[in-house]
Amino acid sequence: MTAIDLSSDAGLIAMVLLTANILLGLILSARYSTVRNWPHRRLPVFDIHNWTAYIALSLIVLHPALLLFSHTAGFGIGDILFPVHSPKQTLYNCLGAGAFYCTVFVVVTSYLRSRLGSRLWKKLHYVSYAAAALLFVHGILIDPELKNKPPDLLDGEKVLVEVCALLITAATIWAYPLSAKETRHARLRKKGRL
């Protein structure tokens, strides 16, 4: 197994964890009750949401860092931090870097949630959707072997990325009305009308 293979695997695992993380975030924002609804027991959804973010962020850092150990990839530290001149698949690497920086932004602002206030933090947290979009486009278009081959959309790794993108899209469509309804109810409760 080469450094490029390990990098690809780290990226795929990070993508699956980020997908799970966003799904958990949608459950939290929709105020889905795991006690009243399936699985009918209390689950530490918030804690799992946080830990999937931390583990995914670690894998996101590891994903390009492994390329430094590949003799054939030709990446340097500058190519990883700012890939506009990366030796291979520059545009797709820039999309991946954009996903990384968006994810870092979301994690850092989550640490600052109490200082930012819940309302501003929630607006800033929507950057996670930009991170997901960049991540999915990066994952679908890039050649995991870095040989500039066109993407095979039916390849197992690409299908995994596509399924994760569809899951996020479907869950967002499911959660949006629930979250909007909860926000309206919270405003009415605050004004004493409910």
C-alpha atoms as a PDB file:
ATOM      1  CA  MET A   1       0.000   0.000   0.000  1.00  0.00           C
ATOM      2  CA  THR A   2       1.460   3.338  -1.066  1.00  0.00           C
ATOM      3  CA  ALA A   3       1.249   6.756   0.580  1.00  0.00           C
ATOM      4  CA  ILE A   4      -1.200   7.784  -2.160  1.00  0.00           C
ATOM      5  CA  ASP A   5      -3.434   4.801  -1.321  1.00  0.00           C
ATOM      6  CA  LEU A   6      -3.315   5.642   2.391  1.00  0.00           C
ATOM      7  CA  SER A   7      -4.105   9.271   1.617  1.00  0.00           C
ATOM      8  CA  SER A   8      -7.102   8.234  -0.462  1.00  0.00           C
ATOM      9  CA  ASP A   9      -8.352   5.930   2.298  1.00  0.00           C
ATOM     10  CA  ALA A  10      -7.947   8.658   4.938  1.00  0.00           C
ATOM     11  CA  GLY A  11      -9.921  11.034   2.736  1.00  0.00           C
ATOM     12  CA  LEU A  12     -12.741   8.535   2.238  1.00  0.00           C
ATOM     13  CA  ILE A  13     -12.998   7.774   5.953  1.00  0.00           C
ATOM     14  CA  ALA A  14     -12.998  11.502   6.723  1.00  0.00           C
ATOM     15  CA  MET A  15     -15.775  12.012   4.177  1.00  0.00           C
ATOM     16  CA  VAL A  16     -17.912   9.262   5.743  1.00  0.00           C
ATOM     17  CA  LEU A  17     -17.341  10.756   9.209  1.00  0.00           C
ATOM     18  CA  LEU A  18     -18.217  14.249   7.983  1.00  0.00           C
ATOM     19  CA  THR A  19     -21.368  12.868   6.386  1.00  0.00           C
ATOM     20  CA  ALA A  20     -22.315  11.248   9.697  1.00  0.00           C
ATOM     21  CA  ASN A  21     -21.428  14.497  11.448  1.00  0.00           C
ATOM     22  CA  ILE A  22     -23.708  16.589   9.252  1.00  0.00           C
ATOM     23  CA  LEU A  23     -26.515  14.039   9.619  1.00  0.00           C
ATOM     24  CA  LEU A  24     -26.146  14.221  13.405  1.00  0.00           C
ATOM     25  CA  GLY A  25     -26.108  18.014  13.200  1.00  0.00           C
ATOM     26  CA  LEU A  26     -29.358  17.920  11.236  1.00  0.00           C
ATOM     27  CA  ILE A  27     -30.888  15.666  13.887  1.00  0.00           C
ATOM     28  CA  LEU A  28     -29.833  18.159  16.541  1.00  0.00           C
ATOM     29  CA  SER A  29     -31.122  21.183  14.612  1.00  0.00           C
ATOM     30  CA  ALA A  30     -34.466  19.479  13.985  1.00  0.00           C
ATOM     31  CA  ARG A  31     -34.633  18.654  17.714  1.00  0.00           C
ATOM     32  CA  TYR A  32     -35.284  15.041  16.848  1.00  0.00           C
ATOM     33  CA  SER A  33     -35.930  13.067  20.016  1.00  0.00           C
ATOM     34  CA  THR A  34     -34.285   9.647  20.055  1.00  0.00           C
ATOM     35  CA  VAL A  35     -36.405   8.825  23.105  1.00  0.00           C
ATOM     36  CA  ARG A  36     -39.814   9.619  21.564  1.00  0.00           C
ATOM     37  CA  ASN A  37     -38.812   8.414  18.087  1.00  0.00           C
ATOM     38  CA  TRP A  38     -36.560   5.666  16.763  1.00  0.00           C
ATOM     39  CA  PRO A  39     -34.462   4.138  18.385  1.00  0.00           C
ATOM     40  CA  HIS A  40     -36.608   4.927  21.479  1.00  0.00           C
ATOM     41  CA  ARG A  41     -33.687   5.399  23.836  1.00  0.00           C
ATOM     42  CA  ARG A  42     -31.437   8.231  24.890  1.00  0.00           C
ATOM     43  CA  LEU A  43     -28.350   8.593  22.708  1.00  0.00           C
ATOM     44  CA  PRO A  44     -25.474  11.065  23.225  1.00  0.00           C
ATOM     45  CA  VAL A  45     -26.068  12.629  19.798  1.00  0.00           C
ATOM     46  CA  PHE A  46     -24.303  15.894  20.634  1.00  0.00           C
ATOM     47  CA  ASP A  47     -21.202  14.106  21.945  1.00  0.00           C
ATOM     48  CA  ILE A  48     -21.084  11.809  18.915  1.00  0.00           C
ATOM     49  CA  HIS A  49     -21.511  14.872  16.681  1.00  0.00           C
ATOM     50  CA  ASN A  50     -18.502  16.541  18.326  1.00  0.00           C
ATOM     51  CA  TRP A  51     -16.277  13.460  18.258  1.00  0.00           C
ATOM     52  CA  THR A  52     -16.984  12.674  14.624  1.00  0.00           C
ATOM     53  CA  ALA A  53     -15.924  16.244  13.827  1.00  0.00           C
ATOM     54  CA  TYR A  54     -12.643  15.933  15.742  1.00  0.00           C
ATOM     55  CA  ILE A  55     -11.755  12.558  14.251  1.00  0.00           C
ATOM     56  CA  ALA A  56     -12.724  13.703  10.747  1.00  0.00           C
ATOM     57  CA  LEU A  57     -10.631  16.859  11.123  1.00  0.00           C
ATOM     58  CA  SER A  58      -7.636  14.740  12.136  1.00  0.00           C
ATOM     59  CA  LEU A  59      -8.113  12.539   9.073  1.00  0.00           C
ATOM     60  CA  ILE A  60      -8.540  15.598   6.860  1.00  0.00           C
ATOM     61  CA  VAL A  61      -5.127  16.815   8.034  1.00  0.00           C
ATOM     62  CA  LEU A  62      -3.654  13.339   7.541  1.00  0.00           C
ATOM     63  CA  HIS A  63      -5.169  12.972   4.041  1.00  0.00           C
ATOM     64  CA  PRO A  64      -2.863  15.455   2.238  1.00  0.00           C
ATOM     65  CA  ALA A  65       0.010  15.075   4.731  1.00  0.00           C
ATOM     66  CA  LEU A  66       0.482  11.481   3.604  1.00  0.00           C
ATOM     67  CA  LEU A  67       1.249  12.765   0.104  1.00  0.00           C
ATOM     68  CA  LEU A  68       4.478  14.240   1.476  1.00  0.00           C
ATOM     69  CA  PHE A  69       5.756  10.659   1.835  1.00  0.00           C
ATOM     70  CA  SER A  70       5.080   9.753  -1.801  1.00  0.00           C
ATOM     71  CA  HIS A  71       7.960  10.023  -4.239  1.00  0.00           C
ATOM     72  CA  THR A  72       5.628   9.922  -7.245  1.00  0.00           C
ATOM     73  CA  ALA A  73       3.092  12.540  -6.062  1.00  0.00           C
ATOM     74  CA  GLY A  74       5.679  15.328  -5.815  1.00  0.00           C
ATOM     75  CA  PHE A  75       3.789  17.390  -3.218  1.00  0.00           C
ATOM     76  CA  GLY A  76       5.510  19.783  -0.834  1.00  0.00           C
ATOM     77  CA  ILE A  77       4.105  21.479   2.260  1.00  0.00           C
ATOM     78  CA  GLY A  78       3.226  24.583   0.236  1.00  0.00           C
ATOM     79  CA  ASP A  79       1.304  22.449  -2.253  1.00  0.00           C
ATOM     80  CA  ILE A  80      -0.765  21.079   0.583  1.00  0.00           C
ATOM     81  CA  LEU A  81      -1.454  24.331   2.420  1.00  0.00           C
ATOM     82  CA  PHE A  82      -2.069  26.399  -0.703  1.00  0.00           C
ATOM     83  CA  PRO A  83      -2.471  24.025  -3.660  1.00  0.00           C
ATOM     84  CA  VAL A  84      -2.829  26.572  -6.479  1.00  0.00           C
ATOM     85  CA  HIS A  85       0.500  25.344  -7.848  1.00  0.00           C
ATOM     86  CA  SER A  86       0.211  21.704  -6.795  1.00  0.00           C
ATOM     87  CA  PRO A  87       1.957  19.270  -9.135  1.00  0.00           C
ATOM     88  CA  LYS A  88      -1.164  17.282 -10.026  1.00  0.00           C
ATOM     89  CA  GLN A  89      -4.887  18.000 -10.384  1.00  0.00           C
ATOM     90  CA  THR A  90      -4.600  21.558  -9.108  1.00  0.00           C
ATOM     91  CA  LEU A  91      -8.273  22.532  -9.359  1.00  0.00           C
ATOM     92  CA  TYR A  92      -9.453  19.418  -7.536  1.00  0.00           C
ATOM     93  CA  ASN A  93      -6.802  19.899  -4.851  1.00  0.00           C
ATOM     94  CA  CYS A  94      -7.983  23.492  -4.407  1.00  0.00           C
ATOM     95  CA  LEU A  95     -11.526  22.203  -3.876  1.00  0.00           C
ATOM     96  CA  GLY A  96     -10.215  19.794  -1.248  1.00  0.00           C
ATOM     97  CA  ALA A  97      -8.253  22.572   0.449  1.00  0.00           C
ATOM     98  CA  GLY A  98     -11.390  24.733   0.433  1.00  0.00           C
ATOM     99  CA  ALA A  99     -13.290  21.919   2.139  1.00  0.00           C
ATOM    100  CA  PHE A 100     -10.488  21.640   4.707  1.00  0.00           C
ATOM    101  CA  TYR A 101     -10.453  25.358   5.499  1.00  0.00           C
ATOM    102  CA  CYS A 102     -14.263  25.463   5.741  1.00  0.00           C
ATOM    103  CA  THR A 103     -14.178  22.507   8.144  1.00  0.00           C
ATOM    104  CA  VAL A 104     -11.514  24.183  10.289  1.00  0.00           C
ATOM    105  CA  PHE A 105     -13.666  27.340  10.342  1.00  0.00           C
ATOM    106  CA  VAL A 106     -16.716  25.366  11.512  1.00  0.00           C
ATOM    107  CA  VAL A 107     -14.752  23.583  14.261  1.00  0.00           C
ATOM    108  CA  VAL A 108     -13.061  26.778  15.504  1.00  0.00           C
ATOM    109  CA  THR A 109     -16.323  28.745  15.574  1.00  0.00           C
ATOM    110  CA  SER A 110     -17.904  25.859  17.480  1.00  0.00           C
ATOM    111  CA  TYR A 111     -15.275  26.330  20.188  1.00  0.00           C
ATOM    112  CA  LEU A 112     -16.238  30.007  20.277  1.00  0.00           C
ATOM    113  CA  ARG A 113     -19.984  29.346  20.337  1.00  0.00           C
ATOM    114  CA  SER A 114     -20.570  30.846  23.789  1.00  0.00           C
ATOM    115  CA  ARG A 115     -18.652  34.012  22.849  1.00  0.00           C
ATOM    116  CA  LEU A 116     -20.319  34.378  19.453  1.00  0.00           C
ATOM    117  CA  GLY A 117     -23.829  33.779  20.699  1.00  0.00           C
ATOM    118  CA  SER A 118     -26.103  31.056  19.474  1.00  0.00           C
ATOM    119  CA  ARG A 119     -27.712  33.057  16.684  1.00  0.00           C
ATOM    120  CA  LEU A 120     -24.447  34.164  15.009  1.00  0.00           C
ATOM    121  CA  TRP A 121     -22.845  30.774  15.598  1.00  0.00           C
ATOM    122  CA  LYS A 122     -25.736  29.019  13.872  1.00  0.00           C
ATOM    123  CA  LYS A 123     -25.361  31.254  10.804  1.00  0.00           C
ATOM    124  CA  LEU A 124     -21.605  30.631  10.719  1.00  0.00           C
ATOM    125  CA  HIS A 125     -22.202  26.905  11.129  1.00  0.00           C
ATOM    126  CA  TYR A 126     -23.914  26.819   7.717  1.00  0.00           C
ATOM    127  CA  VAL A 127     -20.381  26.926   6.274  1.00  0.00           C
ATOM    128  CA  SER A 128     -20.435  23.164   6.907  1.00  0.00           C
ATOM    129  CA  TYR A 129     -22.668  22.871   3.826  1.00  0.00           C
ATOM    130  CA  ALA A 130     -20.027  24.652   1.747  1.00  0.00           C
ATOM    131  CA  ALA A 131     -17.428  22.268   3.172  1.00  0.00           C
ATOM    132  CA  ALA A 132     -19.604  19.298   2.228  1.00  0.00           C
ATOM    133  CA  ALA A 133     -20.225  20.576  -1.305  1.00  0.00           C
ATOM    134  CA  LEU A 134     -16.519  21.202  -1.891  1.00  0.00           C
ATOM    135  CA  LEU A 135     -15.644  17.843  -0.374  1.00  0.00           C
ATOM    136  CA  PHE A 136     -18.100  15.917  -2.541  1.00  0.00           C
ATOM    137  CA  VAL A 137     -17.029  17.645  -5.766  1.00  0.00           C
ATOM    138  CA  HIS A 138     -13.362  17.062  -4.829  1.00  0.00           C
ATOM    139  CA  GLY A 139     -14.060  13.401  -4.059  1.00  0.00           C
ATOM    140  CA  ILE A 140     -16.025  12.755  -7.228  1.00  0.00           C
ATOM    141  CA  LEU A 141     -13.706  14.500  -9.693  1.00  0.00           C
ATOM    142  CA  ILE A 142     -10.209  13.744  -8.401  1.00  0.00           C
ATOM    143  CA  ASP A 143      -8.288  10.709  -9.578  1.00  0.00           C
ATOM    144  CA  PRO A 144      -7.340   8.875  -6.354  1.00  0.00           C
ATOM    145  CA  GLU A 145      -4.126   7.648  -8.010  1.00  0.00           C
ATOM    146  CA  LEU A 146      -3.197  11.216  -9.069  1.00  0.00           C
ATOM    147  CA  LYS A 147      -2.718  10.156 -12.703  1.00  0.00           C
ATOM    148  CA  ASN A 148      -5.181  12.695 -14.180  1.00  0.00           C
ATOM    149  CA  LYS A 149      -7.551   9.972 -15.364  1.00  0.00           C
ATOM    150  CA  PRO A 150     -11.159  11.073 -15.928  1.00  0.00           C
ATOM    151  CA  PRO A 151     -13.507  10.134 -13.077  1.00  0.00           C
ATOM    152  CA  ASP A 152     -15.272   6.790 -13.288  1.00  0.00           C
ATOM    153  CA  LEU A 153     -18.574   7.667 -11.620  1.00  0.00           C
ATOM    154  CA  LEU A 154     -19.400   3.985 -11.114  1.00  0.00           C
ATOM    155  CA  ASP A 155     -16.141   3.181  -9.300  1.00  0.00           C
ATOM    156  CA  GLY A 156     -16.784   1.993  -5.732  1.00  0.00           C
ATOM    157  CA  GLU A 157     -15.063   4.973  -4.115  1.00  0.00           C
ATOM    158  CA  LYS A 158     -16.955   7.437  -6.313  1.00  0.00           C
ATOM    159  CA  VAL A 159     -20.256   5.684  -5.584  1.00  0.00           C
ATOM    160  CA  LEU A 160     -19.521   6.044  -1.851  1.00  0.00           C
ATOM    161  CA  VAL A 161     -18.993   9.790  -2.324  1.00  0.00           C
ATOM    162  CA  GLU A 162     -22.178  10.045  -4.402  1.00  0.00           C
ATOM    163  CA  VAL A 163     -24.227   8.140  -1.791  1.00  0.00           C
ATOM    164  CA  CYS A 164     -22.921  10.421   0.969  1.00  0.00           C
ATOM    165  CA  ALA A 165     -23.859  13.486  -1.096  1.00  0.00           C
ATOM    166  CA  LEU A 166     -27.359  12.095  -1.681  1.00  0.00           C
ATOM    167  CA  LEU A 167     -27.762  11.308   2.022  1.00  0.00           C
ATOM    168  CA  ILE A 168     -26.871  14.873   2.995  1.00  0.00           C
ATOM    169  CA  THR A 169     -29.215  16.288   0.368  1.00  0.00           C
ATOM    170  CA  ALA A 170     -32.142  14.072   1.427  1.00  0.00           C
ATOM    171  CA  ALA A 171     -31.564  14.667   5.148  1.00  0.00           C
ATOM    172  CA  THR A 172     -31.384  18.430   4.612  1.00  0.00           C
ATOM    173  CA  ILE A 173     -34.683  18.358   2.746  1.00  0.00           C
ATOM    174  CA  TRP A 174     -36.163  16.289   5.613  1.00  0.00           C
ATOM    175  CA  ALA A 175     -34.760  18.446   8.433  1.00  0.00           C
ATOM    176  CA  TYR A 176     -35.323  21.934   7.027  1.00  0.00           C
ATOM    177  CA  PRO A 177     -39.098  22.124   7.661  1.00  0.00           C
ATOM    178  CA  LEU A 178     -38.635  20.658  11.149  1.00  0.00           C
ATOM    179  CA  SER A 179     -35.880  23.114  12.008  1.00  0.00           C
ATOM    180  CA  ALA A 180     -37.847  26.081  10.627  1.00  0.00           C
ATOM    181  CA  LYS A 181     -40.919  25.035  12.626  1.00  0.00           C
ATOM    182  CA  GLU A 182     -38.835  24.723  15.807  1.00  0.00           C
ATOM    183  CA  THR A 183     -37.303  28.171  15.200  1.00  0.00           C
ATOM    184  CA  ARG A 184     -40.770  29.729  14.799  1.00  0.00           C
ATOM    185  CA  HIS A 185     -41.983  28.036  17.996  1.00  0.00           C
ATOM    186  CA  ALA A 186     -38.892  29.235  19.895  1.00  0.00           C
ATOM    187  CA  ARG A 187     -39.518  32.842  18.767  1.00  0.00           C
ATOM    188  CA  LEU A 188     -43.182  32.615  19.803  1.00  0.00           C
ATOM    189  CA  ARG A 189     -42.223  31.139  23.201  1.00  0.00           C
ATOM    190  CA  LYS A 190     -39.720  33.937  23.710  1.00  0.00           C
ATOM    191  CA  LYS A 191     -42.412  36.537  22.963  1.00  0.00           C
ATOM    192  CA  GLY A 192     -44.856  34.703  25.272  1.00  0.00           C
ATOM    193  CA  ARG A 193     -47.315  33.873  22.508  1.00  0.00           C
ATOM    194  CA  LEU A 194     -47.038  30.118  22.781  1.00  0.00           C
END
